[in-house]
Protein backbone atom coordinates (compact mmCIF):
# COMPACT_ATOMS: atom_id res chain seq x y z
CA MET A 1 46.86 -36.87 -39.45
CA LYS A 2 48.99 -34.47 -37.44
CA HIS A 3 47.50 -31.69 -35.36
CA ASN A 4 49.17 -28.32 -35.27
CA PRO A 5 49.19 -27.20 -31.60
CA GLY A 6 49.68 -23.59 -32.65
CA LYS A 7 46.60 -23.54 -34.88
CA ILE A 8 44.51 -25.33 -32.27
CA PHE A 9 45.54 -22.79 -29.63
CA LYS A 10 44.77 -19.83 -31.91
CA LYS A 11 41.37 -21.30 -32.78
CA SER A 12 40.58 -21.85 -29.12
CA VAL A 13 41.57 -18.29 -28.26
CA ARG A 14 39.43 -16.98 -31.14
CA ILE A 15 36.40 -18.96 -30.00
CA LEU A 16 36.92 -17.82 -26.41
CA GLY A 17 37.23 -14.22 -27.55
CA MET A 18 34.04 -14.44 -29.60
CA SER A 19 32.19 -15.98 -26.66
CA ILE A 20 33.35 -13.27 -24.27
CA GLY A 21 32.56 -10.60 -26.85
CA SER A 22 29.05 -11.99 -27.38
CA LEU A 23 28.46 -12.09 -23.63
CA LEU A 24 29.62 -8.50 -23.19
CA LEU A 25 27.43 -7.40 -26.10
CA PHE A 26 24.41 -9.13 -24.56
CA VAL A 27 25.05 -7.47 -21.19
CA ALA A 28 25.40 -4.07 -22.85
CA VAL A 29 22.19 -4.47 -24.88
CA TYR A 30 20.31 -5.75 -21.81
CA CYS A 31 21.43 -2.79 -19.69
CA LEU A 32 20.57 -0.28 -22.40
CA ALA A 33 17.14 -1.88 -22.87
CA ALA A 34 16.56 -1.88 -19.10
CA ILE A 35 17.35 1.83 -18.89
CA GLY A 36 15.60 2.86 -22.10
CA LEU A 37 12.39 0.85 -21.80
CA SER A 38 12.00 1.70 -18.12
CA ARG A 39 11.84 5.38 -19.07
CA ILE A 40 8.94 4.84 -21.48
CA PRO A 41 5.72 5.41 -19.51
CA VAL A 42 2.55 3.34 -19.60
CA ASN A 43 -0.60 5.07 -18.31
CA LYS A 44 1.28 8.36 -18.17
CA GLU A 45 -1.87 10.20 -17.09
CA PRO A 46 -3.96 7.47 -15.40
CA ASN A 47 -7.56 8.15 -14.43
CA THR A 48 -6.93 7.34 -10.79
CA GLY A 49 -9.50 7.53 -8.05
CA LYS A 50 -9.31 8.45 -4.37
CA ASP A 51 -11.22 5.54 -2.86
CA MET A 52 -8.24 3.95 -1.12
CA VAL A 53 -4.48 3.96 -0.69
CA ILE A 54 -1.79 1.44 -1.62
CA TYR A 55 2.00 1.69 -1.52
CA ILE A 56 4.99 0.66 -3.60
CA LEU A 57 7.87 -0.30 -1.32
CA SER A 58 11.50 -0.92 -2.30
CA ASN A 59 14.29 -2.42 -0.23
CA GLY A 60 16.80 -0.91 -2.66
CA VAL A 61 16.63 -3.84 -5.08
CA HIS A 62 13.16 -5.37 -4.98
CA VAL A 63 9.70 -3.75 -5.09
CA ASP A 64 6.68 -4.96 -3.13
CA ILE A 65 3.08 -3.92 -3.70
CA VAL A 66 1.49 -3.03 -0.34
CA VAL A 67 -2.29 -3.04 0.11
CA PRO A 68 -4.76 -2.92 3.03
CA VAL A 69 -5.19 -6.26 4.75
CA LYS A 70 -8.93 -5.69 4.85
CA SER A 71 -11.22 -3.70 2.60
CA GLU A 72 -14.78 -4.07 1.37
CA GLN A 73 -13.43 -5.83 -1.72
CA ILE A 74 -11.23 -8.44 -0.07
CA ASP A 75 -9.91 -9.61 3.29
CA TRP A 76 -6.43 -10.92 2.51
CA SER A 77 -6.09 -12.40 6.00
CA GLN A 78 -8.63 -15.02 4.94
CA HIS A 79 -6.00 -16.30 2.51
CA MET A 80 -2.64 -15.16 3.93
CA GLU A 81 -3.53 -15.92 7.51
CA TYR A 82 -1.80 -14.10 10.35
CA SER A 83 -0.99 -17.51 11.80
CA HIS A 84 1.19 -18.27 8.77
CA THR A 85 3.74 -15.89 10.28
CA ILE A 86 5.75 -16.25 13.47
CA ALA A 87 4.40 -13.01 14.97
CA SER A 88 0.77 -13.74 14.07
CA ASP A 89 0.12 -10.02 14.52
CA THR A 90 -3.62 -9.53 14.07
CA LEU A 91 -3.20 -5.75 14.50
CA ALA A 92 -1.32 -5.44 11.19
CA ASP A 93 -3.26 -3.25 8.75
CA TRP A 94 -1.11 -3.69 5.65
CA ILE A 95 0.18 -6.62 3.64
CA ALA A 96 2.99 -6.49 1.10
CA PHE A 97 3.23 -8.79 -1.90
CA GLY A 98 6.40 -9.58 -3.78
CA TRP A 99 7.00 -12.19 -6.45
CA GLY A 100 10.29 -13.88 -7.25
CA ASP A 101 12.36 -17.00 -7.76
CA LYS A 102 11.50 -19.57 -5.10
CA GLY A 103 15.08 -20.79 -4.67
CA PHE A 104 16.36 -17.25 -4.34
CA TYR A 105 13.72 -16.38 -1.73
CA LEU A 106 14.25 -19.47 0.39
CA GLU A 107 18.01 -19.95 0.08
CA THR A 108 19.30 -16.37 0.11
CA PRO A 109 18.40 -14.55 3.34
CA THR A 110 21.18 -12.00 2.64
CA TRP A 111 23.10 -11.00 -0.49
CA ALA A 112 26.30 -12.29 1.13
CA GLU A 113 24.80 -15.79 1.08
CA LEU A 114 23.89 -15.76 -2.62
CA LYS A 115 25.09 -18.94 -4.35
CA PHE A 116 26.10 -19.03 -8.01
CA SER A 117 23.86 -22.04 -8.60
CA VAL A 118 20.81 -20.19 -7.24
CA ALA A 119 21.54 -17.07 -9.29
CA PHE A 120 22.14 -19.13 -12.45
CA LYS A 121 18.88 -21.04 -12.11
CA ALA A 122 16.96 -17.84 -11.48
CA ALA A 123 18.50 -15.96 -14.41
CA PHE A 124 17.80 -18.70 -16.92
CA ALA A 125 14.30 -19.82 -15.89
CA LEU A 126 15.41 -23.09 -14.32
CA GLY A 127 13.47 -22.75 -11.07
CA SER A 128 9.96 -22.14 -9.79
CA SER A 129 8.48 -19.02 -8.24
CA ALA A 130 6.95 -17.86 -4.98
CA ILE A 131 4.94 -14.99 -3.54
CA HIS A 132 6.45 -13.41 -0.44
CA SER A 133 3.96 -11.65 1.85
CA THR A 134 4.78 -9.41 4.79
CA PHE A 135 2.43 -7.83 7.33
CA TYR A 136 2.94 -4.25 8.52
CA ARG A 137 1.19 -2.14 11.17
CA LYS A 138 2.09 1.14 9.50
CA LEU A 139 4.14 2.55 6.66
CA GLU A 140 5.89 5.90 6.34
CA GLU A 141 6.14 7.54 2.94
CA ASN A 142 9.72 8.31 1.84
CA GLU A 143 12.01 7.87 -1.17
CA SER A 144 11.63 4.08 -1.06
CA CYS A 145 7.95 4.00 -0.08
CA LYS A 146 5.42 5.83 -2.24
CA LYS A 147 1.73 6.23 -1.42
CA LEU A 148 -0.70 5.87 -4.33
CA SER A 149 -4.40 6.77 -4.31
CA ILE A 150 -6.57 4.50 -6.45
CA SER A 151 -10.20 3.74 -7.22
CA LYS A 152 -12.11 0.59 -6.32
CA GLU A 153 -12.06 -0.41 -9.99
CA GLN A 154 -8.29 -0.07 -10.10
CA TYR A 155 -7.95 -2.12 -6.93
CA ALA A 156 -10.14 -4.82 -8.45
CA GLY A 157 -7.63 -5.14 -11.29
CA LEU A 158 -4.78 -5.39 -8.80
CA ILE A 159 -6.61 -8.00 -6.72
CA ASN A 160 -7.15 -10.18 -9.78
CA TYR A 161 -3.50 -9.83 -10.79
CA ILE A 162 -2.23 -10.94 -7.38
CA LYS A 163 -4.73 -13.80 -7.18
CA GLU A 164 -3.76 -15.04 -10.65
CA SER A 165 -0.09 -15.01 -9.61
CA LEU A 166 -0.77 -17.38 -6.71
CA GLU A 167 -1.29 -21.13 -6.82
CA TRP A 168 -4.55 -22.30 -5.26
CA THR A 169 -5.73 -25.64 -3.92
CA PRO A 170 -8.96 -27.26 -5.23
CA ASP A 171 -10.77 -25.93 -2.13
CA ASN A 172 -9.71 -22.37 -3.00
CA GLN A 173 -6.87 -21.98 -0.51
CA VAL A 174 -3.45 -20.52 -1.26
CA LYS A 175 -0.56 -22.98 -1.20
CA LEU A 176 1.57 -22.07 1.80
CA ILE A 177 5.24 -23.03 1.53
CA GLU A 178 6.23 -24.76 4.74
CA THR A 179 9.73 -23.48 5.43
CA ASP A 180 11.97 -22.15 8.17
CA ALA A 181 13.24 -19.46 5.79
CA ARG A 182 12.14 -16.04 7.04
CA TYR A 183 13.13 -12.42 6.54
CA SER A 184 11.25 -11.38 9.68
CA ASP A 185 8.63 -12.62 12.13
CA HIS A 186 5.91 -11.10 9.97
CA ASP A 187 6.32 -12.86 6.62
CA ALA A 188 5.41 -16.07 4.82
CA PHE A 189 5.89 -17.65 1.39
CA TYR A 190 3.34 -19.09 -1.06
CA GLU A 191 3.57 -21.08 -4.27
CA ALA A 192 3.21 -18.95 -7.38
CA HIS A 193 2.77 -19.16 -11.13
CA ARG A 194 5.25 -18.26 -13.87
CA THR A 195 9.03 -18.56 -13.88
CA TYR A 196 11.60 -15.95 -12.97
CA HIS A 197 14.21 -15.09 -15.61
CA LEU A 198 16.24 -12.15 -16.89
CA PHE A 199 13.28 -10.72 -18.77
CA HIS A 200 10.65 -11.36 -16.10
CA THR A 201 12.11 -10.41 -12.74
CA CYS A 202 10.55 -9.61 -9.39
CA ASN A 203 10.36 -5.96 -10.43
CA THR A 204 8.84 -6.84 -13.79
CA TRP A 205 6.08 -8.56 -11.81
CA ALA A 206 5.56 -5.47 -9.63
CA ASN A 207 5.58 -3.21 -12.69
CA ASN A 208 2.95 -5.41 -14.33
CA ALA A 209 0.88 -5.19 -11.15
CA LEU A 210 0.76 -1.41 -11.57
CA LYS A 211 -0.29 -1.88 -15.20
CA ALA A 212 -3.08 -4.21 -14.07
CA ALA A 213 -4.29 -1.46 -11.75
CA ASP A 214 -4.17 1.10 -14.55
CA LEU A 215 -1.43 3.05 -12.75
CA LYS A 216 1.75 4.65 -14.03
CA ALA A 217 4.37 2.08 -14.93
CA SER A 218 7.34 1.39 -17.20
CA LEU A 219 6.91 -0.22 -20.59
CA TRP A 220 9.30 -2.86 -19.20
CA THR A 221 11.76 -2.85 -16.35
CA PRO A 222 13.79 -5.48 -14.52
CA TYR A 223 14.84 -3.21 -11.65
CA ASP A 224 13.22 -1.12 -8.91
CA LYS A 225 14.42 2.29 -10.09
CA GLY A 226 12.56 1.77 -13.35
CA ILE A 227 9.31 1.72 -11.38
CA PHE A 228 10.13 4.59 -9.03
CA TYR A 229 11.27 6.74 -11.97
CA HIS A 230 7.60 7.36 -12.77
CA TYR A 231 6.79 8.34 -9.20
CA ARG A 232 9.34 11.06 -8.68
CA ASP A 233 8.08 14.00 -6.63
């Protein structure tokens, strides 16, 4: 049986074209969904209290949830110990929590060092996850750092959400990731539950944290601006 090179080439080109077209369509639908669903509010008029303050903090790509290190409801330093960080700064009053792909956190200190293999694994749920915590002495409210007043009941919901995201040992200790990877002298990494993928990103986690605290949030968002859209001045 003879093969016709011309027909084989045309078929290959057609398959390639369909594959590229399908990929472009997926990207377009994903971007439209990210924009559209992030504009739909959840808890548009939340019944917030004034018992305490938390922050949402963005580095331009990724959102952290920042809470007091110590309050009458929880002392986070009993779990995320100051000594887990290089600085071991016991004067820090705030602790930020961010969730994300473990490989991305530990292997990509800067965007310039991002590897295709790391990005691919993260996008398609092929890795594990981690919680990144950072201690701060003070925070200044600006376009990328918003102060939110909440009630004790709302904070209880947020505490449970963060705790359920972490992995714990049988003796009720968080699982510290022993690593030399650092973003600063004030941070540490911990094992976490769930898997990062295109539909559950670091910002999806932060957005869901706001939902757990009965605060304004997006219906769904994979990016930081989707969260901050609902906290415009």
